[in-house]
């Protein structure tokens, strides 16, 4: 049994390196051995996707042995919501020393990711972190150094790669359907419900989230790096804050205590959401974190419009933009190649008869129990030929089916070879945030920023699978 457990722990640590070692061959279903997990950060993502869902779906092969947060009220609620039967801790080091976990899951504020990633590795644990890896190049380098000197591995929770729709795009590109990729247009639209939500929270402060170039766009840059199969080499960007922050004459203490609840179109009544009330509002007394802050407070210092040009090491050029106040939520991507063009998109209401309310769209995307199925097209147009339509069927739950597939790979199917190389390790996490960091530095300096000047990582014309 000891040898089997050692083999099991080795296999999970090798997952981020792309190894194909058996994770599911040690009689987990018989309950004879379980992965010991701790979670730090009991917010929405931590308690739901990396908390309750793991208990509901994988209790036969894993168990929580500790939960940690700086907010004791949120911590107590998180334990109850997750359904974990374990101790809770306000001190991370104390939790690690007492519980001796195999795997540390990090779902704290972005600005604290590096602290717990590095400590986890130093304590001899494998670490799984939510995106983004961290918020600046110095913290990124510290993480790279810690991972290199440890005998453990770091997994980054990039779920968008795992959706069947994104995977079909990858499959078409991998087959050289349009020849060599020469340029890409990628545009992401956040609506006035989801987009605005970032400016209510700590994400609206660059010192906490690194701007949306990091917290949100890291998803998109990871998709681009994976789709293009190359590393970013240089970034030039523009960005500004023109809608949120101090750009309005109306503002209040927060949405609950505001004189403009009738006239402000952005007003959100958090009191109608029991989970938000139980998790956040009822525990404001402990750390002062307000979940329904005013969108127009002066302290907001991130961008609400962003545009970048990214040159890759293989000479592909990308035009990217992120809008945070769109009337609809969705995205478009187009790949130009030497033999044709691929166009893909999701949730563009004018291209499909959509009946889902925009204020519910993100909630449905996050829903892990949805039974909704979808069929979406991808257009493949060869040069001097008619276009073909490839129809992709997938389930809508959990980021287009990506959430479940990501967790299955990590905890159940690590022995299965993935021809699309969707498992993301520390290099993937770093390369995705370095685009955002370079974009932010480009805006501040007015100059293009070379990726290789930020850390010791050297961009490669073809991605290094690690």
Protein backbone atom coordinates (compact mmCIF):
# COMPACT_ATOMS: atom_id res chain seq x y z
CA UNK A 1 0.00 0.00 0.00
CA UNK A 2 2.85 2.41 0.77
CA UNK A 3 4.42 1.73 -2.63
CA UNK A 4 1.08 2.27 -4.34
CA UNK A 5 0.58 5.56 -2.54
CA UNK A 6 4.03 6.74 -3.56
CA UNK A 7 3.29 5.82 -7.16
CA UNK A 8 0.00 7.68 -6.97
CA UNK A 9 1.59 10.85 -5.60
CA UNK A 10 4.30 10.68 -8.24
CA UNK A 11 1.69 10.39 -10.94
CA UNK A 12 -0.24 13.47 -9.88
CA UNK A 13 2.94 15.49 -9.59
CA UNK A 14 3.83 14.46 -13.13
CA UNK A 15 0.47 15.47 -14.56
CA UNK A 16 1.58 19.02 -15.24
CA UNK A 17 4.61 17.67 -17.06
CA UNK A 18 2.39 15.80 -19.49
CA UNK A 19 3.29 12.33 -18.23
CA UNK A 20 0.93 9.39 -18.74
CA UNK A 21 1.14 7.62 -15.41
CA UNK A 22 -1.87 5.80 -13.98
CA UNK A 23 -3.84 7.86 -11.47
CA UNK A 24 -6.86 5.62 -11.40
CA UNK A 25 -5.31 2.19 -10.95
CA UNK A 26 -4.98 2.06 -7.16
CA UNK A 27 -8.47 0.89 -6.13
CA UNK A 28 -9.73 4.39 -5.33
CA UNK A 29 -13.30 3.21 -5.66
CA UNK A 30 -12.70 0.81 -2.76
CA UNK A 31 -11.72 3.71 -0.55
CA UNK A 32 -8.36 2.18 0.37
CA UNK A 33 -6.36 5.26 -0.55
CA UNK A 34 -7.36 8.87 -1.02
CA UNK A 35 -5.60 12.03 -2.10
CA UNK A 36 -5.27 14.45 0.84
CA UNK A 37 -6.26 17.95 -0.27
CA UNK A 38 -6.24 21.37 1.36
CA UNK A 39 -7.84 24.52 -0.04
CA UNK A 40 -6.77 28.11 0.68
CA UNK A 41 -9.29 30.79 -0.27
CA UNK A 42 -12.99 30.07 0.37
CA UNK A 43 -14.62 32.50 -2.04
CA UNK A 44 -17.08 31.63 -4.82
CA UNK A 45 -14.66 29.67 -7.04
CA UNK A 46 -12.95 27.92 -4.16
CA UNK A 47 -16.11 26.73 -2.42
CA UNK A 48 -17.93 25.71 -5.59
CA UNK A 49 -15.71 24.41 -8.41
CA UNK A 50 -12.67 23.43 -6.34
CA UNK A 51 -14.72 22.64 -3.24
CA UNK A 52 -18.25 21.31 -3.37
CA UNK A 53 -17.83 19.78 -6.83
CA UNK A 54 -14.80 17.76 -5.73
CA UNK A 55 -16.70 16.43 -2.71
CA UNK A 56 -19.77 15.61 -4.82
CA UNK A 57 -17.91 13.95 -7.69
CA UNK A 58 -14.62 12.53 -6.38
CA UNK A 59 -15.06 11.65 -2.69
CA UNK A 60 -14.08 8.05 -3.44
CA UNK A 61 -10.55 9.09 -4.42
CA UNK A 62 -9.89 12.30 -2.48
CA UNK A 63 -10.67 14.02 0.81
CA UNK A 64 -10.29 17.52 2.18
CA UNK A 65 -8.09 17.56 5.26
CA UNK A 66 -8.03 21.34 5.70
CA UNK A 67 -9.60 24.63 4.60
CA UNK A 68 -7.96 28.03 5.10
CA UNK A 69 -9.06 31.66 4.82
CA UNK A 70 -8.32 34.94 6.59
CA UNK A 71 -12.06 35.47 7.16
CA UNK A 72 -13.38 33.12 9.90
CA UNK A 73 -17.03 33.67 8.98
CA UNK A 74 -16.49 32.93 5.31
CA UNK A 75 -14.38 29.93 6.30
CA UNK A 76 -17.15 28.46 8.46
CA UNK A 77 -19.74 28.99 5.73
CA UNK A 78 -17.37 27.54 3.13
CA UNK A 79 -16.88 24.34 5.09
CA UNK A 80 -20.64 23.87 5.40
CA UNK A 81 -21.28 24.66 1.72
CA UNK A 82 -18.51 22.37 0.49
CA UNK A 83 -19.65 19.54 2.72
CA UNK A 84 -16.11 18.87 3.94
CA UNK A 85 -15.47 17.06 7.21
CA UNK A 86 -12.13 18.61 8.07
CA UNK A 87 -10.50 21.22 10.28
CA UNK A 88 -10.41 24.88 9.32
CA UNK A 89 -7.45 27.21 9.71
CA UNK A 90 -6.74 30.94 9.68
CA UNK A 91 -3.02 30.20 9.37
CA UNK A 92 -1.80 28.50 6.17
CA UNK A 93 1.49 27.23 7.58
CA UNK A 94 -0.27 25.68 10.57
CA UNK A 95 -2.69 23.91 8.24
CA UNK A 96 0.10 22.42 6.11
CA UNK A 97 2.18 21.31 9.07
CA UNK A 98 -0.75 19.67 10.86
CA UNK A 99 -2.54 18.06 7.90
CA UNK A 100 0.44 17.07 5.69
CA UNK A 101 -1.53 17.28 2.42
CA UNK A 102 -0.60 15.79 -0.94
CA UNK A 103 -2.12 18.64 -2.93
CA UNK A 104 -2.66 22.34 -2.16
CA UNK A 105 -5.40 24.15 -4.11
CA UNK A 106 -4.98 27.94 -4.28
CA UNK A 107 -8.09 30.08 -4.87
CA UNK A 108 -7.20 33.29 -3.04
CA UNK A 109 -6.96 36.81 -4.42
CA UNK A 110 -4.63 36.90 -7.42
CA UNK A 111 -2.11 39.05 -5.56
CA UNK A 112 -1.62 36.27 -2.98
CA UNK A 113 -1.32 33.31 -5.35
CA UNK A 114 2.48 33.38 -5.37
CA UNK A 115 2.69 33.26 -1.57
CA UNK A 116 0.72 30.03 -1.23
CA UNK A 117 2.07 28.42 -4.41
CA UNK A 118 5.65 28.89 -3.23
CA UNK A 119 4.93 27.81 0.34
CA UNK A 120 3.09 24.74 -0.88
CA UNK A 121 6.01 23.71 -3.09
CA UNK A 122 8.52 24.43 -0.32
CA UNK A 123 6.54 22.23 2.06
CA UNK A 124 6.82 19.37 -0.42
CA UNK A 125 3.28 19.48 -1.79
CA UNK A 126 2.02 19.50 -5.35
CA UNK A 127 0.04 22.65 -6.05
CA UNK A 128 -2.99 23.41 -8.21
CA UNK A 129 -3.76 27.10 -8.66
CA UNK A 130 -6.60 28.99 -10.22
CA UNK A 131 -5.68 31.37 -12.99
CA UNK A 132 -3.91 33.74 -13.22
CA UNK A 133 -0.64 32.29 -11.98
CA UNK A 134 0.23 35.66 -10.40
CA UNK A 135 0.10 39.39 -11.22
CA UNK A 136 3.62 40.59 -12.09
CA UNK A 137 6.90 39.38 -13.53
CA UNK A 138 8.80 39.35 -10.22
CA UNK A 139 6.27 37.09 -8.52
CA UNK A 140 6.21 34.96 -11.68
CA UNK A 141 9.97 34.51 -11.52
CA UNK A 142 9.75 33.58 -7.84
CA UNK A 143 7.22 30.87 -8.72
CA UNK A 144 9.37 29.56 -11.58
CA UNK A 145 12.37 29.36 -9.25
CA UNK A 146 10.39 27.61 -6.52
CA UNK A 147 8.98 25.04 -8.94
CA UNK A 148 12.40 24.33 -10.42
CA UNK A 149 14.09 23.71 -7.09
CA UNK A 150 11.27 21.55 -5.74
CA UNK A 151 10.58 17.97 -6.76
CA UNK A 152 6.91 18.86 -7.06
CA UNK A 153 4.75 20.19 -9.86
CA UNK A 154 2.35 23.06 -10.36
CA UNK A 155 -0.93 22.66 -12.27
CA UNK A 156 -2.83 25.72 -13.54
CA UNK A 157 -6.61 25.40 -13.79
CA UNK A 158 -7.17 26.48 -17.39
CA UNK A 159 -10.65 25.12 -18.11
CA UNK A 160 -11.36 26.85 -21.43
CA UNK A 161 -8.97 24.49 -23.24
CA UNK A 162 -11.17 21.57 -22.24
CA UNK A 163 -14.47 22.70 -23.76
CA UNK A 164 -15.38 20.61 -26.84
CA UNK A 165 -15.82 23.77 -28.91
CA UNK A 166 -12.33 25.14 -28.18
CA UNK A 167 -10.91 21.65 -28.64
CA UNK A 168 -12.48 21.35 -32.12
CA UNK A 169 -10.78 24.61 -33.11
CA UNK A 170 -7.49 23.14 -31.89
CA UNK A 171 -8.11 19.92 -33.82
CA UNK A 172 -8.70 21.78 -37.08
CA UNK A 173 -5.55 23.86 -36.61
CA UNK A 174 -3.51 20.81 -35.58
CA UNK A 175 -4.50 19.12 -38.85
CA UNK A 176 -3.16 22.12 -40.81
CA UNK A 177 -6.64 22.61 -42.25
CA UNK A 178 -5.76 26.15 -43.32
CA UNK A 179 -2.01 25.65 -43.67
CA UNK A 180 0.41 27.74 -41.63
CA UNK A 181 -1.31 30.26 -39.35
CA UNK A 182 -0.23 33.79 -40.25
CA UNK A 183 -2.55 36.05 -38.24
CA UNK A 184 -5.41 35.88 -35.73
CA UNK A 185 -8.20 38.25 -34.68
CA UNK A 186 -9.58 37.50 -31.21
CA UNK A 187 -12.21 39.70 -29.56
CA UNK A 188 -13.91 39.03 -26.22
CA UNK A 189 -17.02 40.87 -25.07
CA UNK A 190 -18.11 41.08 -21.42
CA UNK A 191 -21.62 42.38 -20.97
CA UNK A 192 -22.82 45.07 -18.57
CA UNK A 193 -23.64 42.44 -15.94
CA UNK A 194 -20.58 40.18 -15.96
CA UNK A 195 -18.13 42.87 -17.07
CA UNK A 196 -19.32 45.30 -14.44
CA UNK A 197 -18.98 42.67 -11.71
CA UNK A 198 -15.19 42.86 -11.83
CA UNK A 199 -15.30 46.55 -10.96
CA UNK A 200 -17.44 45.92 -7.87
CA UNK A 201 -14.87 43.59 -6.36
CA UNK A 202 -11.16 43.55 -5.50
CA UNK A 203 -10.51 42.90 -9.19
CA UNK A 204 -11.03 46.62 -9.79
CA UNK A 205 -7.74 47.35 -8.02
CA UNK A 206 -4.59 46.60 -10.03
CA UNK A 207 -2.63 45.91 -6.85
CA UNK A 208 -5.00 43.01 -6.12
CA UNK A 209 -5.76 41.58 -9.56
CA UNK A 210 -3.09 43.03 -11.83
CA UNK A 211 -5.86 44.50 -14.05
CA UNK A 212 -8.10 42.40 -16.29
CA UNK A 213 -5.11 41.88 -18.58
CA UNK A 214 -4.22 39.29 -15.95
CA UNK A 215 -7.37 38.13 -14.19
CA UNK A 216 -9.60 37.73 -17.26
CA UNK A 217 -7.41 37.86 -20.36
CA UNK A 218 -5.06 35.17 -19.07
CA UNK A 219 -7.77 32.69 -20.15
CA UNK A 220 -7.74 34.12 -23.65
CA UNK A 221 -3.96 34.33 -23.97
CA UNK A 222 -3.68 30.72 -22.86
CA UNK A 223 -6.13 29.70 -25.57
CA UNK A 224 -4.13 31.65 -28.14
CA UNK A 225 -0.81 30.14 -27.04
CA UNK A 226 -2.36 26.66 -27.17
CA UNK A 227 -4.19 27.15 -30.47
CA UNK A 228 -1.19 28.75 -32.23
CA UNK A 229 1.22 26.27 -30.60
CA UNK A 230 3.88 28.92 -30.11
CA UNK A 231 5.06 31.31 -27.41
CA UNK A 232 4.36 35.06 -27.42
CA UNK A 233 7.45 37.13 -28.18
CA UNK A 234 6.43 40.81 -28.21
CA UNK A 235 3.37 42.86 -27.17
CA UNK A 236 2.17 46.39 -27.90
CA UNK A 237 -1.03 47.55 -26.25
CA UNK A 238 -3.49 50.33 -25.53
CA UNK A 239 -5.91 50.61 -22.63
CA UNK A 240 -7.97 53.11 -20.67
CA UNK A 241 -10.69 53.53 -18.06
CA UNK A 242 -13.61 55.38 -19.64
CA UNK A 243 -16.87 53.95 -18.26
CA UNK A 244 -16.35 52.75 -14.69
CA UNK A 245 -14.42 54.34 -11.83
CA UNK A 246 -14.54 58.13 -11.60
CA UNK A 247 -16.29 58.44 -14.98
CA UNK A 248 -19.73 58.98 -13.45
CA UNK A 249 -21.22 61.74 -11.32
CA UNK A 250 -23.34 59.24 -9.36
CA UNK A 251 -21.85 57.00 -6.70
CA UNK A 252 -22.78 55.55 -3.38
CA UNK A 253 -21.30 53.62 -0.48
CA UNK A 254 -22.35 50.37 -2.18
CA UNK A 255 -25.37 49.08 -4.09
CA UNK A 256 -27.27 48.35 -0.88
CA UNK A 257 -26.70 51.86 0.46
CA UNK A 258 -27.07 54.20 -2.47
CA UNK A 259 -29.31 57.15 -3.35
CA UNK A 260 -29.30 56.19 -7.04
CA UNK A 261 -30.77 52.67 -6.98
CA UNK A 262 -33.65 53.75 -9.25
CA UNK A 263 -31.63 55.73 -11.78
CA UNK A 264 -28.41 53.66 -11.99
CA UNK A 265 -28.76 51.05 -14.72
CA UNK A 266 -25.87 49.10 -13.18
CA UNK A 267 -27.58 48.69 -9.81
CA UNK A 268 -27.29 45.16 -8.39
CA UNK A 269 -29.45 44.01 -5.47
CA UNK A 270 -27.21 41.55 -3.67
CA UNK A 271 -29.90 40.95 -1.04
CA UNK A 272 -31.78 38.83 -3.59
CA UNK A 273 -28.91 36.35 -3.83
CA UNK A 274 -28.84 34.12 -0.74
CA UNK A 275 -25.46 32.59 -1.50
CA UNK A 276 -23.82 36.01 -1.89
CA UNK A 277 -25.44 37.18 1.33
CA UNK A 278 -24.36 34.08 3.28
CA UNK A 279 -20.81 34.00 1.92
CA UNK A 280 -19.94 37.68 1.71
CA UNK A 281 -22.37 40.15 3.27
CA UNK A 282 -22.81 38.22 6.52
CA UNK A 283 -19.02 38.15 6.96
CA UNK A 284 -18.05 41.72 6.06
CA UNK A 285 -17.39 42.42 9.75
CA UNK A 286 -14.25 40.25 9.73
CA UNK A 287 -12.24 41.75 6.88
CA UNK A 288 -14.29 44.61 5.46
CA UNK A 289 -14.64 43.02 2.01
CA UNK A 290 -17.69 44.47 0.22
CA UNK A 291 -19.02 42.35 -2.63
CA UNK A 292 -21.44 44.95 -4.08
CA UNK A 293 -19.15 47.97 -4.11
CA UNK A 294 -19.99 50.99 -6.25
CA UNK A 295 -18.72 50.70 -9.82
CA UNK A 296 -17.89 54.39 -9.83
CA UNK A 297 -15.67 54.69 -6.75
CA UNK A 298 -12.52 56.71 -7.28
CA UNK A 299 -10.14 53.96 -6.16
CA UNK A 300 -10.73 51.84 -9.28
CA UNK A 301 -7.46 51.87 -11.20
CA UNK A 302 -7.72 49.17 -13.88
CA UNK A 303 -8.66 49.41 -17.57
CA UNK A 304 -12.16 48.84 -18.92
CA UNK A 305 -11.11 48.83 -22.59
CA UNK A 306 -8.05 46.94 -23.80
CA UNK A 307 -6.45 46.23 -27.15
CA UNK A 308 -3.16 44.50 -27.95
CA UNK A 309 -1.07 43.33 -30.85
CA UNK A 310 0.91 40.19 -30.04
CA UNK A 311 3.73 38.83 -32.18
CA UNK A 312 4.56 35.17 -31.65
CA UNK A 313 7.92 33.46 -31.90
CA UNK A 314 6.70 31.63 -35.04
CA UNK A 315 5.83 35.01 -36.64
CA UNK A 316 2.04 34.74 -36.17
CA UNK A 317 0.50 38.13 -35.40
CA UNK A 318 -2.58 38.47 -33.16
CA UNK A 319 -4.98 41.39 -32.79
CA UNK A 320 -6.79 41.05 -29.44
CA UNK A 321 -9.35 43.14 -27.61
CA UNK A 322 -11.40 42.95 -24.41
CA UNK A 323 -14.51 45.05 -23.85
CA UNK A 324 -16.07 45.15 -20.37
CA UNK A 325 -19.33 47.01 -21.09
CA UNK A 326 -20.76 45.26 -24.13
CA UNK A 327 -24.56 44.90 -24.52
CA UNK A 328 -23.96 41.17 -25.01
CA UNK A 329 -21.51 38.54 -23.77
CA UNK A 330 -19.58 36.43 -26.26
CA UNK A 331 -16.45 36.12 -28.36
CA UNK A 332 -15.14 35.80 -31.91
CA UNK A 333 -11.89 34.41 -33.26
CA UNK A 334 -10.61 34.19 -36.83
CA UNK A 335 -7.47 32.43 -38.01
CA UNK A 336 -5.89 33.38 -41.33
CA UNK A 337 -3.62 30.75 -42.87
CA UNK A 338 -1.65 30.18 -46.02
CA UNK A 339 -4.42 27.85 -47.29
CA UNK A 340 -7.57 29.48 -45.89
CA UNK A 341 -9.40 30.85 -42.88
CA UNK A 342 -11.22 29.50 -39.78
CA UNK A 343 -13.92 31.54 -38.04
CA UNK A 344 -15.40 30.61 -34.66
CA UNK A 345 -17.65 32.38 -32.18
CA UNK A 346 -19.88 31.77 -29.20
CA UNK A 347 -22.95 33.61 -27.86
CA UNK A 348 -23.09 36.38 -30.47
CA UNK A 349 -26.86 37.06 -30.32
CA UNK A 350 -27.17 38.42 -33.88
CA UNK A 351 -25.82 35.19 -35.32
CA UNK A 352 -28.26 32.96 -33.47
CA UNK A 353 -31.75 33.28 -32.06
CA UNK A 354 -30.83 33.51 -28.38
CA UNK A 355 -33.48 33.72 -25.68
CA UNK A 356 -31.19 33.73 -22.61
CA UNK A 357 -31.22 36.96 -20.61
CA UNK A 358 -27.82 38.64 -20.56
CA UNK A 359 -27.91 38.95 -16.77
CA UNK A 360 -28.21 35.17 -16.47
CA UNK A 361 -25.65 34.21 -19.11
CA UNK A 362 -22.57 34.07 -16.86
CA UNK A 363 -24.54 32.33 -14.13
CA UNK A 364 -25.49 29.60 -16.61
CA UNK A 365 -21.90 29.33 -17.82
CA UNK A 366 -20.75 28.69 -14.24
CA UNK A 367 -23.59 26.24 -13.50
CA UNK A 368 -22.12 22.77 -12.90
CA UNK A 369 -25.50 21.00 -13.07
CA UNK A 370 -27.02 22.42 -16.24
CA UNK A 371 -28.57 19.92 -18.66
CA UNK A 372 -28.49 22.34 -21.60
CA UNK A 373 -26.92 21.11 -24.82
CA UNK A 374 -25.77 23.29 -27.67
CA UNK A 375 -24.73 23.01 -31.30
CA UNK A 376 -22.42 25.70 -32.60
CA UNK A 377 -20.73 26.15 -36.00
CA UNK A 378 -17.11 26.66 -36.99
CA UNK A 379 -16.54 27.97 -40.51
CA UNK A 380 -13.64 26.54 -42.52
CA UNK A 381 -12.98 28.41 -45.75
CA UNK A 382 -10.22 27.17 -48.06
CA UNK A 383 -8.67 29.52 -50.61
CA UNK A 384 -10.46 29.44 -54.00
CA UNK A 385 -13.16 27.15 -52.64
CA UNK A 386 -16.55 27.22 -50.93
CA UNK A 387 -16.66 27.28 -47.15
CA UNK A 388 -17.58 24.30 -44.99
CA UNK A 389 -19.49 24.43 -41.71
CA UNK A 390 -18.31 22.16 -38.91
CA UNK A 391 -21.01 21.71 -36.26
CA UNK A 392 -19.83 21.08 -32.68
CA UNK A 393 -22.21 19.62 -30.10
CA UNK A 394 -21.40 20.15 -26.44
CA UNK A 395 -22.95 20.57 -23.01
CA UNK A 396 -23.28 24.12 -21.71
CA UNK A 397 -22.57 23.37 -18.05
CA UNK A 398 -19.38 24.52 -16.40
CA UNK A 399 -17.70 26.72 -19.03
CA UNK A 400 -18.98 24.79 -22.02
CA UNK A 401 -18.18 21.40 -20.52
CA UNK A 402 -14.58 22.38 -19.80
CA UNK A 403 -14.81 22.29 -15.99
CA UNK A 404 -15.77 18.62 -15.73
CA UNK A 405 -13.23 17.49 -18.33
CA UNK A 406 -10.43 19.40 -16.60
CA UNK A 407 -11.16 17.83 -13.22
CA UNK A 408 -11.61 14.37 -14.69
CA UNK A 409 -8.16 14.68 -16.28
CA UNK A 410 -6.54 15.80 -13.04
CA UNK A 411 -8.15 13.34 -10.67
CA UNK A 412 -9.25 10.36 -12.78
CA UNK A 413 -7.76 10.17 -16.27
CA UNK A 414 -4.12 11.22 -15.98
CA UNK A 415 -3.13 7.88 -17.53
CA UNK A 416 -4.97 8.69 -20.76
CA UNK A 417 -2.87 10.25 -23.51
CA UNK A 418 -4.33 13.60 -24.59
CA UNK A 419 -3.47 14.30 -28.23
CA UNK A 420 -4.42 17.95 -27.71
CA UNK A 421 -2.03 18.54 -24.78
CA UNK A 422 -4.61 20.35 -22.68
CA UNK A 423 -3.03 19.81 -19.25
CA UNK A 424 -1.42 23.12 -18.24
CA UNK A 425 1.75 23.41 -16.18
CA UNK A 426 3.82 26.28 -14.83
CA UNK A 427 5.21 27.30 -18.24
CA UNK A 428 1.69 27.59 -19.68
CA UNK A 429 0.59 29.64 -16.69
CA UNK A 430 3.61 31.91 -16.99
CA UNK A 431 3.34 32.45 -20.76
CA UNK A 432 -0.33 33.42 -20.45
CA UNK A 433 0.25 36.06 -17.77
CA UNK A 434 3.41 37.40 -19.40
CA UNK A 435 1.29 38.60 -22.33
CA UNK A 436 -0.93 40.54 -19.91
CA UNK A 437 2.02 41.88 -17.94
CA UNK A 438 3.70 42.99 -21.17
CA UNK A 439 0.46 44.66 -22.32
CA UNK A 440 0.18 46.57 -19.06
CA UNK A 441 3.82 47.67 -19.24
CA UNK A 442 3.38 48.67 -22.88
CA UNK A 443 0.48 50.95 -22.02
CA UNK A 444 2.49 52.54 -19.22
CA UNK A 445 5.62 53.04 -21.33
CA UNK A 446 4.17 53.56 -24.79
CA UNK A 447 6.61 50.98 -26.15
CA UNK A 448 6.44 47.38 -27.32
CA UNK A 449 7.55 44.91 -24.64
CA UNK A 450 9.60 41.79 -25.36
CA UNK A 451 8.50 38.73 -23.38
CA UNK A 452 12.03 37.42 -22.88
CA UNK A 453 12.93 40.58 -20.93
CA UNK A 454 10.40 39.81 -18.18
CA UNK A 455 11.60 36.45 -16.80
CA UNK A 456 14.18 33.75 -17.52
CA UNK A 457 11.72 31.98 -19.84
CA UNK A 458 12.75 32.13 -23.48
CA UNK A 459 9.90 32.20 -26.02
CA UNK A 460 9.97 29.26 -28.42
CA UNK A 461 8.63 29.09 -31.97
CA UNK A 462 6.94 25.83 -30.95
CA UNK A 463 5.50 25.50 -27.45
CA UNK A 464 7.43 23.42 -24.97
CA UNK A 465 5.00 20.84 -23.58
CA UNK A 466 5.66 20.71 -19.87
